[in-house]
N, C-alpha and C. Protein backbone atom coordinates (compact mmCIF):
# COMPACT_ATOMS: atom_id res chain seq x y z
N MET A 1 0.57 -1.36 -0.03
CA MET A 1 0.33 0.08 0.51
C MET A 1 0.86 1.01 0.23
N SER A 2 0.17 2.31 -0.07
CA SER A 2 1.27 3.79 -0.06
C SER A 2 1.36 4.46 0.79
N ASN A 3 1.24 5.40 1.70
CA ASN A 3 1.31 6.53 2.51
C ASN A 3 0.65 7.12 2.71
N HIS A 4 -0.78 7.21 1.17
CA HIS A 4 -2.01 7.31 1.69
C HIS A 4 -2.71 7.12 2.01
N SER A 5 -2.97 5.53 2.18
CA SER A 5 -3.85 4.85 2.61
C SER A 5 -4.27 5.71 4.01
N SER A 6 -5.18 5.26 3.85
CA SER A 6 -6.48 5.55 4.88
C SER A 6 -6.54 4.39 6.74
N SER A 7 -6.30 5.31 7.42
CA SER A 7 -5.24 3.55 8.45
C SER A 7 -7.39 3.49 9.18
N ALA A 8 -8.35 4.27 8.77
CA ALA A 8 -9.81 4.12 9.57
C ALA A 8 -10.26 3.88 8.42
N VAL A 9 -11.37 3.02 9.21
CA VAL A 9 -12.75 2.16 8.54
C VAL A 9 -13.86 3.22 8.62
N GLY A 10 -14.66 3.46 7.53
CA GLY A 10 -15.58 4.68 7.81
C GLY A 10 -16.87 3.89 7.64
N LEU A 11 -18.34 3.62 8.49
CA LEU A 11 -19.14 2.34 8.01
C LEU A 11 -20.39 3.92 7.73
N VAL A 12 -21.20 3.21 7.05
CA VAL A 12 -22.14 3.70 7.19
C VAL A 12 -23.53 3.15 6.11
N GLU A 13 -24.53 3.09 6.93
CA GLU A 13 -26.14 2.15 6.67
C GLU A 13 -26.68 2.51 5.28
N SER A 14 -26.38 1.71 4.54
CA SER A 14 -26.92 1.93 2.99
C SER A 14 -27.29 0.99 2.33
N ASP A 15 -28.53 1.31 1.05
CA ASP A 15 -28.98 -0.29 0.59
C ASP A 15 -27.91 -0.12 -0.72
N ALA A 16 -27.83 1.35 -0.88
CA ALA A 16 -27.87 1.70 -2.12
C ALA A 16 -25.75 1.48 -2.18
N VAL A 17 -25.93 0.90 -3.84
CA VAL A 17 -24.45 0.31 -4.66
C VAL A 17 -23.49 1.97 -5.27
N ALA A 18 -22.93 2.58 -5.10
CA ALA A 18 -22.38 3.65 -5.57
C ALA A 18 -21.43 2.78 -6.45
N PRO A 19 -21.98 2.84 -7.99
CA PRO A 19 -20.70 2.30 -8.65
C PRO A 19 -19.51 3.20 -8.45
N VAL A 20 -18.27 2.25 -8.76
CA VAL A 20 -17.03 2.43 -8.06
C VAL A 20 -16.36 2.88 -9.77
N GLU A 21 -15.91 4.18 -10.46
CA GLU A 21 -14.90 4.14 -11.61
C GLU A 21 -13.31 3.49 -11.49
N ILE A 22 -12.93 2.66 -12.17
CA ILE A 22 -11.89 2.55 -11.92
C ILE A 22 -10.88 2.07 -13.26
N ASP A 23 -9.82 2.02 -13.11
CA ASP A 23 -9.06 1.76 -14.54
C ASP A 23 -9.30 0.55 -15.00
N ALA A 24 -8.92 0.44 -16.40
CA ALA A 24 -9.29 -1.17 -17.20
C ALA A 24 -9.12 -2.69 -16.31
N ASP A 25 -7.96 -2.39 -15.39
CA ASP A 25 -7.02 -3.50 -15.12
C ASP A 25 -8.26 -3.59 -13.65
N GLY A 26 -9.16 -3.51 -13.49
CA GLY A 26 -10.00 -4.05 -12.27
C GLY A 26 -9.27 -4.15 -10.83
N ARG A 27 -8.05 -3.50 -10.61
CA ARG A 27 -7.50 -4.24 -9.35
C ARG A 27 -7.96 -3.41 -8.09
N ILE A 28 -7.49 -4.91 -7.07
CA ILE A 28 -7.99 -3.81 -5.60
C ILE A 28 -7.68 -4.67 -4.67
N GLU A 29 -6.57 -3.64 -3.78
CA GLU A 29 -5.83 -3.90 -2.52
C GLU A 29 -6.33 -3.54 -1.26
N ILE A 30 -6.62 -4.44 -0.11
CA ILE A 30 -6.94 -4.45 0.96
C ILE A 30 -5.92 -4.60 1.66
N GLU A 31 -5.38 -3.66 2.91
CA GLU A 31 -4.74 -3.30 3.25
C GLU A 31 -5.40 -3.86 4.67
N VAL A 32 -4.72 -4.71 5.31
CA VAL A 32 -5.21 -5.61 7.06
C VAL A 32 -3.77 -6.02 7.99
N ASP A 33 -4.20 -5.33 9.40
CA ASP A 33 -3.59 -5.94 10.31
C ASP A 33 -3.86 -7.45 10.64
N GLY A 34 -3.05 -8.45 10.90
CA GLY A 34 -3.39 -9.42 11.25
C GLY A 34 -3.79 -10.36 10.01
N ARG A 35 -2.38 -11.94 10.31
CA ARG A 35 -3.14 -12.80 9.63
C ARG A 35 -4.32 -13.40 8.65
N TRP A 36 -5.00 -13.24 10.17
CA TRP A 36 -6.16 -14.28 10.27
C TRP A 36 -7.45 -13.72 9.61
N ASP A 37 -7.02 -12.35 9.67
CA ASP A 37 -8.14 -11.16 9.15
C ASP A 37 -7.86 -11.80 7.51
N ALA A 38 -7.01 -11.37 7.45
CA ALA A 38 -6.53 -11.08 5.86
C ALA A 38 -6.34 -12.77 5.39
N LEU A 39 -6.51 -13.45 5.85
CA LEU A 39 -6.59 -14.96 5.30
C LEU A 39 -8.15 -15.26 5.48
N ALA A 40 -8.92 -14.77 6.19
CA ALA A 40 -10.27 -14.94 6.06
C ALA A 40 -10.60 -13.92 4.88
N LEU A 41 -9.94 -12.30 4.71
CA LEU A 41 -10.65 -12.20 3.51
C LEU A 41 -10.56 -12.24 2.46
N SER A 42 -9.20 -12.85 2.44
CA SER A 42 -8.96 -13.32 0.68
C SER A 42 -9.85 -14.58 0.32
N GLU A 43 -9.94 -15.76 1.57
CA GLU A 43 -11.10 -16.95 0.65
C GLU A 43 -12.09 -16.25 0.50
N ARG A 44 -12.94 -15.03 1.25
CA ARG A 44 -14.20 -14.80 0.56
C ARG A 44 -13.87 -14.39 -0.83
N LEU A 45 -12.44 -13.77 -0.67
CA LEU A 45 -11.83 -13.50 -2.36
C LEU A 45 -12.07 -13.75 -3.37
N VAL A 46 -11.85 -15.21 -3.38
CA VAL A 46 -11.31 -16.49 -4.25
C VAL A 46 -11.69 -16.19 -5.84
N PRO A 47 -12.95 -16.15 -5.54
CA PRO A 47 -13.62 -15.95 -7.30
C PRO A 47 -12.62 -14.77 -7.89
N PHE A 48 -12.64 -13.82 -6.99
CA PHE A 48 -11.91 -12.65 -7.47
C PHE A 48 -10.28 -12.40 -7.61
N HIS A 49 -9.62 -14.14 -8.18
CA HIS A 49 -8.23 -14.10 -8.00
C HIS A 49 -7.84 -13.51 -7.05
N SER A 50 -8.01 -14.22 -5.86
CA SER A 50 -7.39 -12.74 -4.36
C SER A 50 -5.70 -14.12 -4.14
N PHE A 51 -4.66 -13.12 -3.81
CA PHE A 51 -3.68 -13.65 -2.96
C PHE A 51 -3.50 -12.76 -1.97
N LEU A 52 -2.36 -13.00 -0.85
CA LEU A 52 -2.04 -12.20 0.04
C LEU A 52 -0.75 -11.50 -0.15
N VAL A 53 -0.57 -10.51 0.54
CA VAL A 53 1.26 -10.26 0.54
C VAL A 53 1.89 -9.75 1.87
N GLN A 54 2.58 -10.37 2.17
CA GLN A 54 3.02 -9.79 3.96
C GLN A 54 3.75 -8.87 3.44
N HIS A 55 3.79 -7.50 4.09
CA HIS A 55 4.41 -7.20 3.98
C HIS A 55 5.94 -6.57 5.52
N GLU A 56 4.85 -6.92 6.66
CA GLU A 56 5.78 -6.99 7.60
C GLU A 56 5.31 -8.20 8.59
N ALA A 57 5.35 -8.17 9.71
CA ALA A 57 4.96 -9.18 10.99
C ALA A 57 3.56 -9.59 10.89
N GLN A 58 2.97 -8.18 11.55
CA GLN A 58 1.21 -7.98 10.91
C GLN A 58 0.26 -7.51 10.04
N ARG A 59 1.51 -6.86 8.88
CA ARG A 59 0.72 -5.83 7.88
C ARG A 59 0.76 -6.98 6.76
N TRP A 60 -0.66 -7.11 6.33
CA TRP A 60 -1.13 -7.82 4.69
C TRP A 60 -1.95 -6.89 4.18
N VAL A 61 -1.42 -7.09 2.39
CA VAL A 61 -2.52 -6.66 1.77
C VAL A 61 -2.66 -8.25 0.49
N VAL A 62 -4.06 -8.00 0.66
CA VAL A 62 -5.12 -8.86 -0.13
C VAL A 62 -5.56 -8.11 -1.28
N HIS A 63 -4.93 -8.76 -2.24
CA HIS A 63 -5.07 -8.14 -3.82
C HIS A 63 -6.40 -9.22 -4.26
N ALA A 64 -6.80 -8.74 -5.49
CA ALA A 64 -7.64 -9.11 -5.73
C ALA A 64 -8.07 -8.43 -7.43
N ARG A 65 -9.03 -9.14 -8.43
CA ARG A 65 -9.30 -8.28 -9.70
C ARG A 65 -10.70 -8.76 -9.56
N ALA A 66 -10.73 -7.81 -10.24
CA ALA A 66 -12.57 -7.70 -11.56
C ALA A 66 -12.31 -7.38 -12.40
N PRO A 67 -13.00 -8.47 -13.15
CA PRO A 67 -14.17 -8.72 -13.17
C PRO A 67 -13.49 -10.67 -12.29
N GLY A 68 -14.77 -11.54 -11.73
CA GLY A 68 -14.02 -12.58 -11.42
C GLY A 68 -13.94 -13.54 -11.61
N CYS A 69 -13.78 -14.85 -11.75
CA CYS A 69 -13.81 -15.92 -12.55
C CYS A 69 -14.88 -16.56 -13.20
N ARG A 70 -16.13 -16.02 -12.56
CA ARG A 70 -17.10 -16.34 -13.31
C ARG A 70 -17.98 -14.92 -13.90
N GLY A 71 -17.34 -13.95 -14.08
CA GLY A 71 -17.81 -12.71 -14.43
C GLY A 71 -17.90 -11.68 -13.51
N GLU A 72 -17.89 -11.98 -12.06
CA GLU A 72 -18.53 -11.28 -11.38
C GLU A 72 -17.89 -10.29 -11.12
N ASP A 73 -18.81 -8.86 -11.14
CA ASP A 73 -17.87 -7.35 -10.91
C ASP A 73 -17.61 -6.91 -9.68
N LEU A 74 -16.87 -5.55 -9.61
CA LEU A 74 -16.49 -4.63 -8.62
C LEU A 74 -17.45 -4.58 -7.89
N ASP A 75 -19.12 -4.33 -8.19
CA ASP A 75 -19.46 -3.81 -6.71
C ASP A 75 -19.84 -5.61 -6.26
N ASP A 76 -19.76 -6.30 -7.27
CA ASP A 76 -20.18 -7.58 -6.07
C ASP A 76 -18.91 -8.20 -4.94
N ALA A 77 -17.81 -8.00 -5.48
CA ALA A 77 -16.65 -7.95 -4.59
C ALA A 77 -17.02 -6.90 -3.54
N LEU A 78 -16.89 -5.81 -4.19
CA LEU A 78 -17.20 -4.81 -3.34
C LEU A 78 -18.56 -5.65 -2.07
N ARG A 79 -19.64 -6.00 -2.29
CA ARG A 79 -20.04 -6.60 -1.38
C ARG A 79 -20.00 -7.56 -0.58
N VAL A 80 -18.80 -8.88 -1.12
CA VAL A 80 -18.26 -9.26 0.16
C VAL A 80 -17.55 -8.49 0.90
N ILE A 81 -16.28 -8.00 0.13
CA ILE A 81 -16.09 -7.17 1.23
C ILE A 81 -16.77 -6.83 2.50
N GLY A 82 -17.76 -5.52 2.04
CA GLY A 82 -18.69 -5.41 2.60
C GLY A 82 -19.35 -6.65 3.59
N ALA A 83 -19.26 -7.72 3.69
CA ALA A 83 -19.72 -8.75 4.30
C ALA A 83 -19.06 -9.39 5.19
N TRP A 84 -17.72 -9.51 5.07
CA TRP A 84 -16.79 -9.14 5.53
C TRP A 84 -16.63 -8.16 6.57
N LEU A 85 -16.59 -7.42 6.39
CA LEU A 85 -16.77 -6.30 7.33
C LEU A 85 -17.40 -6.29 8.77
N ALA A 86 -19.04 -6.34 8.14
CA ALA A 86 -19.85 -6.63 8.69
C ALA A 86 -19.52 -7.42 9.97
N GLU A 87 -18.93 -8.51 9.35
CA GLU A 87 -19.02 -9.86 10.67
C GLU A 87 -17.78 -9.92 11.77
N THR A 88 -16.44 -8.81 10.80
CA THR A 88 -15.02 -8.23 11.67
C THR A 88 -15.25 -7.22 12.21
N ASP A 89 -14.03 -6.68 12.66
CA ASP A 89 -13.50 -5.79 13.13
C ASP A 89 -11.96 -5.24 13.00
N PRO A 90 -11.69 -4.90 11.89
CA PRO A 90 -10.19 -5.38 11.31
C PRO A 90 -9.53 -4.16 12.94
N LYS A 91 -8.43 -4.65 13.37
CA LYS A 91 -7.80 -3.45 13.39
C LYS A 91 -7.44 -2.14 13.07
N ARG A 92 -6.76 -2.53 11.68
CA ARG A 92 -6.71 -1.69 10.43
C ARG A 92 -6.99 -2.24 9.25
N LEU A 93 -7.41 -1.29 8.72
CA LEU A 93 -8.03 -1.26 6.96
C LEU A 93 -8.23 -0.26 6.37
N SER A 94 -7.17 -0.60 4.72
CA SER A 94 -7.34 0.94 4.10
C SER A 94 -7.83 -0.09 2.01
N CYS A 95 -7.77 0.24 1.67
CA CYS A 95 -8.29 0.26 0.48
C CYS A 95 -7.94 1.49 -0.88
N ARG A 96 -7.54 0.52 -1.93
CA ARG A 96 -7.49 0.97 -2.99
C ARG A 96 -7.47 0.08 -4.63
N VAL A 97 -8.85 1.29 -5.36
CA VAL A 97 -9.35 0.61 -6.04
C VAL A 97 -8.73 1.10 -7.27
N GLY A 98 -8.32 0.00 -7.77
CA GLY A 98 -7.63 0.99 -9.61
C GLY A 98 -6.17 1.16 -9.61
N GLY A 99 -5.88 1.17 -8.73
CA GLY A 99 -4.62 2.37 -8.06
C GLY A 99 -5.09 3.32 -7.29
N ARG A 100 -6.16 3.78 -7.03
CA ARG A 100 -6.29 4.48 -6.22
C ARG A 100 -6.90 4.82 -4.72
N PRO A 101 -6.46 5.08 -3.88
CA PRO A 101 -6.81 4.81 -2.74
C PRO A 101 -8.52 5.56 -2.44
N HIS A 102 -9.17 4.66 -1.95
CA HIS A 102 -10.50 5.00 -1.54
C HIS A 102 -10.87 4.48 -0.08
N GLU A 103 -11.82 5.85 0.48
CA GLU A 103 -11.75 5.31 1.79
C GLU A 103 -13.60 4.38 1.82
N LEU A 104 -13.44 3.58 3.16
CA LEU A 104 -14.05 2.12 2.86
C LEU A 104 -15.72 2.79 3.55
N VAL A 105 -16.94 2.67 3.01
CA VAL A 105 -18.42 3.48 3.59
C VAL A 105 -19.03 2.04 2.77
N ASP A 106 -19.65 1.81 4.31
CA ASP A 106 -20.23 0.27 4.38
C ASP A 106 -19.62 -0.28 3.37
N GLY A 107 -18.33 -0.66 3.82
CA GLY A 107 -18.04 -1.71 3.16
C GLY A 107 -17.83 -1.72 1.82
N ARG A 108 -17.55 -0.69 1.46
CA ARG A 108 -17.48 -0.35 -0.15
C ARG A 108 -16.42 1.18 -0.36
N PRO A 109 -15.59 0.95 -1.11
CA PRO A 109 -14.85 2.13 -1.95
C PRO A 109 -16.15 2.79 -2.10
N GLU A 110 -16.00 4.48 -1.40
CA GLU A 110 -16.88 5.53 -1.93
C GLU A 110 -16.40 6.62 -3.02
N ARG A 111 -17.13 6.61 -4.16
CA ARG A 111 -16.88 6.86 -5.65
C ARG A 111 -16.31 8.03 -5.25
N GLN A 112 -15.37 8.07 -5.90
CA GLN A 112 -14.53 9.47 -5.73
C GLN A 112 -14.90 10.55 -7.13
N ALA A 113 -15.38 11.60 -6.32
CA ALA A 113 -15.95 12.83 -7.40
C ALA A 113 -15.04 13.48 -8.30
């Protein structure tokens, strides 16, 4: 991740899924503290070609890519992340979509204006 990553998670109740504009390659990177949180998220994101990279003893980045292996789009991946967040309370979490930092709102990166 980069120095521009947020270390806080913002959660907002919402049923609407705002589309996220990303670059053509659909990269998603979620920085998580702790191996078990990273592993749990990575397992949920398997349909999105997920893999883990360990940067420090407790700092992990879960990488995923949309579209998924069955054609799932970015919003599907973001719903998976949101469901994981609803069940988990990670110590630190930041997200980049399409190579750009995004603040998490209700488990989905907030649309950047």
